[in-house]
């Protein structure tokens, strides 16, 4: 929730902030993990403003992840990208 909230509060022109319902791996990790991505191509990956926003989101997680509050939710259904759950996350839920 901290990363999502930070990125929503610090928008980067040309980028949307949303959650993915699934990720393609690695899938055999024994420790909980979070993927924060910048687009899907070299143009996006080279965007310094987007890189700074993601770095800020990671810092927000490391500094305050236990301080996040929200109604805990578990979502079922929908596609790979989950706009309904992303909207709920922005409205105070935590998935």
Protein backbone atom coordinates (compact mmCIF):
# COMPACT_ATOMS: atom_id res chain seq x y z
CA UNK A 1 0.00 0.00 0.00
CA UNK A 2 2.85 2.42 0.77
CA UNK A 3 4.32 2.14 -2.74
CA UNK A 4 0.93 2.50 -4.44
CA UNK A 5 -0.01 5.49 -2.25
CA UNK A 6 3.34 7.20 -2.87
CA UNK A 7 3.09 6.79 -6.64
CA UNK A 8 -0.50 8.06 -6.70
CA UNK A 9 0.60 11.12 -4.68
CA UNK A 10 3.60 11.77 -6.98
CA UNK A 11 2.27 11.31 -10.52
CA UNK A 12 4.63 11.25 -13.50
CA UNK A 13 3.29 12.65 -16.76
CA UNK A 14 2.57 9.88 -19.25
CA UNK A 15 2.37 7.09 -16.65
CA UNK A 16 -0.57 5.45 -14.92
CA UNK A 17 -0.40 3.80 -11.51
CA UNK A 18 -2.19 0.50 -11.13
CA UNK A 19 -1.80 -2.93 -9.62
CA UNK A 20 -1.30 -6.24 -11.39
CA UNK A 21 -3.24 -9.25 -10.15
CA UNK A 22 -0.42 -11.63 -11.04
CA UNK A 23 3.24 -11.47 -11.88
CA UNK A 24 5.26 -13.73 -14.12
CA UNK A 25 7.97 -14.68 -11.69
CA UNK A 26 10.17 -15.47 -10.09
CA UNK A 27 7.52 -17.59 -8.41
CA UNK A 28 9.55 -19.76 -6.07
CA UNK A 29 10.62 -17.10 -3.56
CA UNK A 30 10.18 -18.00 0.10
CA UNK A 31 10.00 -14.36 1.23
CA UNK A 32 7.11 -12.00 0.42
CA UNK A 33 8.06 -9.61 -2.36
CA UNK A 34 6.73 -6.63 -4.27
CA UNK A 35 7.35 -5.69 -7.89
CA UNK A 36 7.31 -1.98 -8.79
CA UNK A 37 7.76 -1.51 -12.52
CA UNK A 38 8.30 1.36 -14.94
CA UNK A 39 6.43 0.55 -18.13
CA UNK A 40 7.41 -2.25 -20.43
CA UNK A 41 10.03 -0.87 -22.79
CA UNK A 42 13.35 0.93 -23.04
CA UNK A 43 11.68 4.33 -23.55
CA UNK A 44 9.89 4.02 -20.19
CA UNK A 45 12.86 2.42 -18.40
CA UNK A 46 15.07 5.37 -19.36
CA UNK A 47 12.67 7.98 -17.95
CA UNK A 48 14.57 9.55 -15.04
CA UNK A 49 11.47 11.14 -13.49
CA UNK A 50 9.74 7.75 -13.42
CA UNK A 51 12.88 6.18 -11.94
CA UNK A 52 12.95 8.79 -9.19
CA UNK A 53 9.27 8.16 -8.45
CA UNK A 54 9.84 4.41 -8.14
CA UNK A 55 12.89 5.01 -5.92
CA UNK A 56 10.71 7.23 -3.72
CA UNK A 57 8.05 4.53 -3.57
CA UNK A 58 10.62 1.94 -2.50
CA UNK A 59 11.92 4.33 0.16
CA UNK A 60 8.34 4.88 1.39
CA UNK A 61 7.92 1.12 1.79
CA UNK A 62 11.20 0.72 3.65
CA UNK A 63 10.54 3.67 5.98
CA UNK A 64 6.90 3.22 6.78
CA UNK A 65 5.29 0.05 5.56
CA UNK A 66 4.04 -0.87 9.04
CA UNK A 67 2.35 2.53 9.39
CA UNK A 68 0.00 2.03 6.45
CA UNK A 69 -3.65 1.63 7.31
CA UNK A 70 -6.62 0.54 5.30
CA UNK A 71 -9.47 -1.89 5.16
CA UNK A 72 -7.90 -5.22 4.23
CA UNK A 73 -9.35 -6.74 1.07
CA UNK A 74 -8.85 -9.85 -1.01
CA UNK A 75 -9.85 -9.55 -4.65
CA UNK A 76 -11.00 -12.32 -6.99
CA UNK A 77 -11.66 -12.13 -10.70
CA UNK A 78 -10.77 -9.70 -13.41
CA UNK A 79 -7.86 -9.70 -15.78
CA UNK A 80 -4.11 -9.41 -15.34
CA UNK A 81 -4.43 -5.68 -14.71
CA UNK A 82 -7.11 -4.94 -12.16
CA UNK A 83 -8.49 -1.40 -12.52
CA UNK A 84 -11.33 -2.00 -10.05
CA UNK A 85 -8.91 -3.14 -7.34
CA UNK A 86 -6.53 -0.27 -8.15
CA UNK A 87 -9.40 2.18 -7.64
CA UNK A 88 -10.31 0.51 -4.35
CA UNK A 89 -6.65 0.69 -3.25
CA UNK A 90 -6.65 4.42 -4.01
CA UNK A 91 -9.86 4.76 -1.98
CA UNK A 92 -8.31 3.28 1.16
CA UNK A 93 -8.37 -0.49 0.82
CA UNK A 94 -5.22 -2.60 1.19
CA UNK A 95 -4.82 -5.74 -0.91
